[in-house]
Each structure stands twice: as structure tokens, then as C-alpha cells.
Amino acid sequence: MAWIYLTVAGILEIIWAFAMKQSLGFSKLVPSIVTIVTMIASFALLSLSMKSLPLGTAYTIWTGIGAVGAFLVGIVVLGEQATAMRIGAAVLIVSGLVLMKLSSPS
């Protein structure tokens, strides 16, 4: 169950990062509310996952899902650049996440 909590927490991190961008510095009400609600939910699920997962594993996976997910949303939704170096960096992050998962005892 901890891995499910962690995965959902990571997805919520992507949502709050995108909503924060859309809030334009918290000057738009709806994206600001979405940011705050999804941020709280993401932290709560991360906390639940840490009851049984090691801190380093849980936090690394959570931030990695958020980082790569936000990177992909930036490219697909916001039209940000998809250069070879940026894609290579994302591949390295995902590789690290896979290694972290494989090395986790839980």
C-alpha cells in the first residue's frame, strides 16, 4: 500500500506544480486553491508511505516522479523545449528512481 500512496503523492506533486505555474504567483484564485489542496494531499500521502518505506527511498521517488512529470507536462502542455540534454537528464532521473526502487527492502 505504501507504494500506491507514494505514486499518488508523486502524481499530486505534478498537479500542484502545474497549478502553481497557472496561478501566476498565486494571483489567480482557482489554480491557487488547486495548488494548496493538492500540495497538502501530496504531503499527507508521502507521510503515510514513509510509515513503512525508508526516508531516502520515499523522498527520492516522490521528488523524481514530480520532477519528471512536471518536465513532461511542461513539454506536452506548455510547449517547453525538448532538447536532447533535457531529455537525457530526465532519463538519468528515471534511471535513479528505478535503482532506488530496486534497492529498497520494502
N, C-alpha and C. Protein backbone atom coordinates (compact mmCIF):
# COMPACT_ATOMS: atom_id res chain seq x y z
N MET A 1 0.81 -1.20 0.00
CA MET A 1 0.00 0.00 0.00
C MET A 1 0.86 1.26 0.00
N ALA A 2 2.03 1.20 0.64
CA ALA A 2 2.92 2.36 0.71
C ALA A 2 3.33 2.84 -0.67
N TRP A 3 3.58 1.91 -1.58
CA TRP A 3 3.99 2.29 -2.93
C TRP A 3 2.86 2.97 -3.68
N ILE A 4 1.63 2.55 -3.42
CA ILE A 4 0.47 3.20 -4.05
C ILE A 4 0.35 4.63 -3.52
N TYR A 5 0.44 4.79 -2.19
CA TYR A 5 0.40 6.13 -1.60
C TYR A 5 1.49 7.01 -2.22
N LEU A 6 2.67 6.46 -2.34
CA LEU A 6 3.80 7.22 -2.85
C LEU A 6 3.59 7.61 -4.31
N THR A 7 3.07 6.71 -5.10
CA THR A 7 2.81 7.01 -6.51
C THR A 7 1.76 8.11 -6.66
N VAL A 8 0.69 7.99 -5.91
CA VAL A 8 -0.36 9.02 -5.96
C VAL A 8 0.18 10.36 -5.46
N ALA A 9 1.00 10.32 -4.41
CA ALA A 9 1.62 11.55 -3.90
C ALA A 9 2.48 12.21 -4.98
N GLY A 10 3.21 11.41 -5.73
CA GLY A 10 4.03 11.94 -6.82
C GLY A 10 3.19 12.55 -7.93
N ILE A 11 2.09 11.90 -8.26
CA ILE A 11 1.18 12.44 -9.29
C ILE A 11 0.58 13.76 -8.81
N LEU A 12 0.21 13.81 -7.54
CA LEU A 12 -0.32 15.06 -6.99
C LEU A 12 0.73 16.16 -7.00
N GLU A 13 1.99 15.79 -6.84
CA GLU A 13 3.06 16.79 -6.91
C GLU A 13 3.12 17.40 -8.30
N ILE A 14 2.93 16.59 -9.33
CA ILE A 14 2.90 17.11 -10.70
C ILE A 14 1.74 18.09 -10.86
N ILE A 15 0.59 17.72 -10.33
CA ILE A 15 -0.60 18.57 -10.44
C ILE A 15 -0.38 19.90 -9.73
N TRP A 16 0.17 19.84 -8.49
CA TRP A 16 0.33 21.12 -7.79
C TRP A 16 1.39 21.99 -8.44
N ALA A 17 2.41 21.39 -9.02
CA ALA A 17 3.43 22.19 -9.70
C ALA A 17 2.83 22.90 -10.92
N PHE A 18 2.03 22.17 -11.67
CA PHE A 18 1.37 22.76 -12.84
C PHE A 18 0.39 23.85 -12.42
N ALA A 19 -0.40 23.56 -11.39
CA ALA A 19 -1.37 24.54 -10.90
C ALA A 19 -0.66 25.79 -10.38
N MET A 20 0.48 25.59 -9.73
CA MET A 20 1.23 26.75 -9.24
C MET A 20 1.69 27.63 -10.41
N LYS A 21 2.13 27.02 -11.47
CA LYS A 21 2.52 27.78 -12.66
C LYS A 21 1.33 28.56 -13.20
N GLN A 22 0.16 27.90 -13.22
CA GLN A 22 -1.05 28.53 -13.74
C GLN A 22 -1.58 29.63 -12.81
N SER A 23 -1.20 29.59 -11.54
CA SER A 23 -1.70 30.58 -10.58
C SER A 23 -1.05 31.96 -10.77
N LEU A 24 0.02 32.00 -11.55
CA LEU A 24 0.74 33.26 -11.80
C LEU A 24 1.11 33.95 -10.49
N GLY A 25 1.87 33.23 -9.69
CA GLY A 25 2.32 33.79 -8.41
C GLY A 25 1.20 33.92 -7.40
N PHE A 26 0.29 32.97 -7.41
CA PHE A 26 -0.87 32.95 -6.52
C PHE A 26 -1.78 34.17 -6.72
N SER A 27 -1.82 34.68 -7.94
CA SER A 27 -2.70 35.81 -8.23
C SER A 27 -4.03 35.37 -8.84
N LYS A 28 -4.15 34.09 -9.20
CA LYS A 28 -5.41 33.54 -9.72
C LYS A 28 -5.97 32.58 -8.68
N LEU A 29 -7.23 32.76 -8.31
CA LEU A 29 -7.83 32.04 -7.19
C LEU A 29 -7.91 30.52 -7.41
N VAL A 30 -8.53 30.08 -8.49
CA VAL A 30 -8.76 28.63 -8.67
C VAL A 30 -7.44 27.85 -8.75
N PRO A 31 -6.48 28.25 -9.59
CA PRO A 31 -5.22 27.50 -9.59
C PRO A 31 -4.50 27.56 -8.24
N SER A 32 -4.65 28.65 -7.52
CA SER A 32 -4.03 28.76 -6.19
C SER A 32 -4.64 27.76 -5.22
N ILE A 33 -5.97 27.63 -5.26
CA ILE A 33 -6.65 26.65 -4.39
C ILE A 33 -6.25 25.24 -4.77
N VAL A 34 -6.21 24.95 -6.08
CA VAL A 34 -5.80 23.61 -6.54
C VAL A 34 -4.38 23.32 -6.06
N THR A 35 -3.50 24.30 -6.15
CA THR A 35 -2.12 24.13 -5.69
C THR A 35 -2.08 23.75 -4.22
N ILE A 36 -2.76 24.50 -3.39
CA ILE A 36 -2.72 24.27 -1.94
C ILE A 36 -3.34 22.93 -1.56
N VAL A 37 -4.49 22.61 -2.14
CA VAL A 37 -5.17 21.35 -1.80
C VAL A 37 -4.35 20.14 -2.24
N THR A 38 -3.84 20.17 -3.48
CA THR A 38 -3.06 19.02 -3.95
C THR A 38 -1.71 18.93 -3.25
N MET A 39 -1.16 20.06 -2.85
CA MET A 39 0.10 20.05 -2.11
C MET A 39 -0.09 19.37 -0.75
N ILE A 40 -1.14 19.74 -0.05
CA ILE A 40 -1.42 19.12 1.25
C ILE A 40 -1.67 17.62 1.10
N ALA A 41 -2.46 17.25 0.10
CA ALA A 41 -2.75 15.83 -0.13
C ALA A 41 -1.48 15.06 -0.49
N SER A 42 -0.63 15.67 -1.30
CA SER A 42 0.62 15.03 -1.69
C SER A 42 1.51 14.79 -0.48
N PHE A 43 1.66 15.81 0.37
CA PHE A 43 2.47 15.66 1.58
C PHE A 43 1.87 14.61 2.52
N ALA A 44 0.55 14.58 2.63
CA ALA A 44 -0.10 13.60 3.52
C ALA A 44 0.16 12.17 3.04
N LEU A 45 0.04 11.95 1.74
CA LEU A 45 0.29 10.61 1.20
C LEU A 45 1.76 10.23 1.29
N LEU A 46 2.64 11.20 1.08
CA LEU A 46 4.07 10.94 1.26
C LEU A 46 4.33 10.51 2.70
N SER A 47 3.73 11.20 3.63
CA SER A 47 3.89 10.88 5.04
C SER A 47 3.40 9.46 5.35
N LEU A 48 2.26 9.11 4.79
CA LEU A 48 1.74 7.75 5.00
C LEU A 48 2.69 6.70 4.43
N SER A 49 3.25 6.98 3.26
CA SER A 49 4.15 6.00 2.65
C SER A 49 5.42 5.82 3.49
N MET A 50 5.82 6.89 4.19
CA MET A 50 7.04 6.83 5.00
C MET A 50 6.87 6.01 6.28
N LYS A 51 5.66 5.60 6.57
CA LYS A 51 5.47 4.71 7.73
C LYS A 51 6.18 3.39 7.52
N SER A 52 6.27 2.96 6.26
CA SER A 52 6.92 1.66 6.01
C SER A 52 8.09 1.74 5.02
N LEU A 53 8.21 2.82 4.28
CA LEU A 53 9.34 2.95 3.36
C LEU A 53 10.44 3.79 3.98
N PRO A 54 11.68 3.50 3.63
CA PRO A 54 12.78 4.33 4.14
C PRO A 54 12.65 5.78 3.64
N LEU A 55 13.07 6.72 4.47
CA LEU A 55 13.01 8.13 4.13
C LEU A 55 13.66 8.42 2.78
N GLY A 56 14.89 7.97 2.61
CA GLY A 56 15.62 8.25 1.38
C GLY A 56 14.91 7.73 0.15
N THR A 57 14.37 6.54 0.24
CA THR A 57 13.65 5.95 -0.89
C THR A 57 12.38 6.72 -1.18
N ALA A 58 11.56 6.93 -0.16
CA ALA A 58 10.27 7.60 -0.36
C ALA A 58 10.45 9.00 -0.91
N TYR A 59 11.33 9.76 -0.30
CA TYR A 59 11.51 11.15 -0.72
C TYR A 59 12.10 11.24 -2.12
N THR A 60 13.05 10.38 -2.43
CA THR A 60 13.67 10.38 -3.75
C THR A 60 12.66 10.02 -4.83
N ILE A 61 11.88 8.99 -4.59
CA ILE A 61 10.87 8.58 -5.56
C ILE A 61 9.83 9.69 -5.75
N TRP A 62 9.37 10.27 -4.64
CA TRP A 62 8.37 11.33 -4.70
C TRP A 62 8.86 12.53 -5.51
N THR A 63 10.05 12.99 -5.21
CA THR A 63 10.58 14.14 -5.95
C THR A 63 10.88 13.79 -7.40
N GLY A 64 11.30 12.56 -7.64
CA GLY A 64 11.59 12.13 -9.01
C GLY A 64 10.35 12.08 -9.87
N ILE A 65 9.27 11.51 -9.31
CA ILE A 65 8.01 11.48 -10.05
C ILE A 65 7.57 12.91 -10.36
N GLY A 66 7.67 13.77 -9.36
CA GLY A 66 7.28 15.16 -9.57
C GLY A 66 8.14 15.87 -10.59
N ALA A 67 9.44 15.66 -10.51
CA ALA A 67 10.36 16.35 -11.43
C ALA A 67 10.17 15.90 -12.87
N VAL A 68 10.14 14.60 -13.08
CA VAL A 68 10.00 14.09 -14.45
C VAL A 68 8.59 14.38 -14.96
N GLY A 69 7.60 14.23 -14.10
CA GLY A 69 6.22 14.52 -14.51
C GLY A 69 6.04 15.98 -14.88
N ALA A 70 6.59 16.88 -14.08
CA ALA A 70 6.49 18.31 -14.38
C ALA A 70 7.24 18.64 -15.67
N PHE A 71 8.37 17.98 -15.87
CA PHE A 71 9.14 18.15 -17.10
C PHE A 71 8.28 17.76 -18.31
N LEU A 72 7.61 16.61 -18.23
CA LEU A 72 6.78 16.14 -19.34
C LEU A 72 5.57 17.04 -19.56
N VAL A 73 4.93 17.48 -18.47
CA VAL A 73 3.80 18.41 -18.59
C VAL A 73 4.27 19.71 -19.24
N GLY A 74 5.44 20.17 -18.86
CA GLY A 74 5.99 21.38 -19.46
C GLY A 74 6.14 21.25 -20.97
N ILE A 75 6.62 20.10 -21.41
CA ILE A 75 6.81 19.88 -22.84
C ILE A 75 5.47 19.70 -23.55
N VAL A 76 4.63 18.80 -23.03
CA VAL A 76 3.39 18.43 -23.71
C VAL A 76 2.33 19.53 -23.63
N VAL A 77 2.16 20.11 -22.45
CA VAL A 77 1.07 21.06 -22.25
C VAL A 77 1.50 22.51 -22.47
N LEU A 78 2.70 22.85 -22.00
CA LEU A 78 3.13 24.25 -22.05
C LEU A 78 4.05 24.57 -23.22
N GLY A 79 4.41 23.56 -24.00
CA GLY A 79 5.23 23.79 -25.18
C GLY A 79 6.68 24.14 -24.89
N GLU A 80 7.19 23.68 -23.75
CA GLU A 80 8.59 23.94 -23.42
C GLU A 80 9.50 23.09 -24.30
N GLN A 81 10.76 23.48 -24.39
CA GLN A 81 11.72 22.79 -25.27
C GLN A 81 12.00 21.36 -24.80
N ALA A 82 12.15 20.48 -25.78
CA ALA A 82 12.53 19.09 -25.51
C ALA A 82 13.88 18.84 -26.16
N THR A 83 14.91 19.45 -25.61
CA THR A 83 16.25 19.27 -26.16
C THR A 83 16.82 17.92 -25.74
N ALA A 84 17.82 17.48 -26.47
CA ALA A 84 18.47 16.21 -26.17
C ALA A 84 19.04 16.21 -24.75
N MET A 85 19.62 17.31 -24.32
CA MET A 85 20.21 17.37 -22.99
C MET A 85 19.13 17.30 -21.89
N ARG A 86 18.02 17.97 -22.10
CA ARG A 86 16.93 17.92 -21.11
C ARG A 86 16.33 16.51 -21.04
N ILE A 87 16.15 15.88 -22.19
CA ILE A 87 15.62 14.51 -22.21
C ILE A 87 16.61 13.56 -21.57
N GLY A 88 17.89 13.74 -21.84
CA GLY A 88 18.93 12.91 -21.22
C GLY A 88 18.91 13.05 -19.70
N ALA A 89 18.73 14.27 -19.22
CA ALA A 89 18.66 14.49 -17.78
C ALA A 89 17.45 13.77 -17.18
N ALA A 90 16.31 13.81 -17.87
CA ALA A 90 15.11 13.12 -17.39
C ALA A 90 15.33 11.60 -17.37
N VAL A 91 16.01 11.09 -18.37
CA VAL A 91 16.32 9.65 -18.42
C VAL A 91 17.21 9.27 -17.23
N LEU A 92 18.17 10.11 -16.91
CA LEU A 92 19.03 9.83 -15.74
C LEU A 92 18.22 9.84 -14.44
N ILE A 93 17.28 10.76 -14.32
CA ILE A 93 16.43 10.80 -13.12
C ILE A 93 15.62 9.51 -13.02
N VAL A 94 15.00 9.11 -14.12
CA VAL A 94 14.20 7.88 -14.11
C VAL A 94 15.08 6.67 -13.79
N SER A 95 16.29 6.64 -14.33
CA SER A 95 17.21 5.54 -14.03
C SER A 95 17.51 5.49 -12.53
N GLY A 96 17.73 6.63 -11.94
CA GLY A 96 17.96 6.70 -10.50
C GLY A 96 16.76 6.22 -9.70
N LEU A 97 15.56 6.56 -10.17
CA LEU A 97 14.34 6.12 -9.48
C LEU A 97 14.21 4.60 -9.52
N VAL A 98 14.49 4.02 -10.69
CA VAL A 98 14.41 2.56 -10.83
C VAL A 98 15.43 1.90 -9.89
N LEU A 99 16.64 2.42 -9.87
CA LEU A 99 17.67 1.84 -8.97
C LEU A 99 17.27 2.00 -7.50
N MET A 100 16.68 3.14 -7.14
CA MET A 100 16.24 3.35 -5.77
C MET A 100 15.14 2.35 -5.39
N LYS A 101 14.20 2.12 -6.30
CA LYS A 101 13.13 1.15 -6.05
C LYS A 101 13.70 -0.26 -5.90
N LEU A 102 14.62 -0.62 -6.79
CA LEU A 102 15.20 -1.96 -6.73
C LEU A 102 16.04 -2.19 -5.48
N SER A 103 16.60 -1.12 -4.94
CA SER A 103 17.44 -1.27 -3.75
C SER A 103 16.66 -1.17 -2.45
N SER A 104 15.36 -0.88 -2.55
CA SER A 104 14.54 -0.72 -1.35
C SER A 104 14.15 -2.07 -0.79
N PRO A 105 14.28 -2.25 0.53
CA PRO A 105 13.91 -3.52 1.14
C PRO A 105 12.41 -3.75 1.20
N SER A 106 11.62 -2.70 1.10
CA SER A 106 10.14 -2.83 1.21
C SER A 106 9.50 -3.07 -0.11
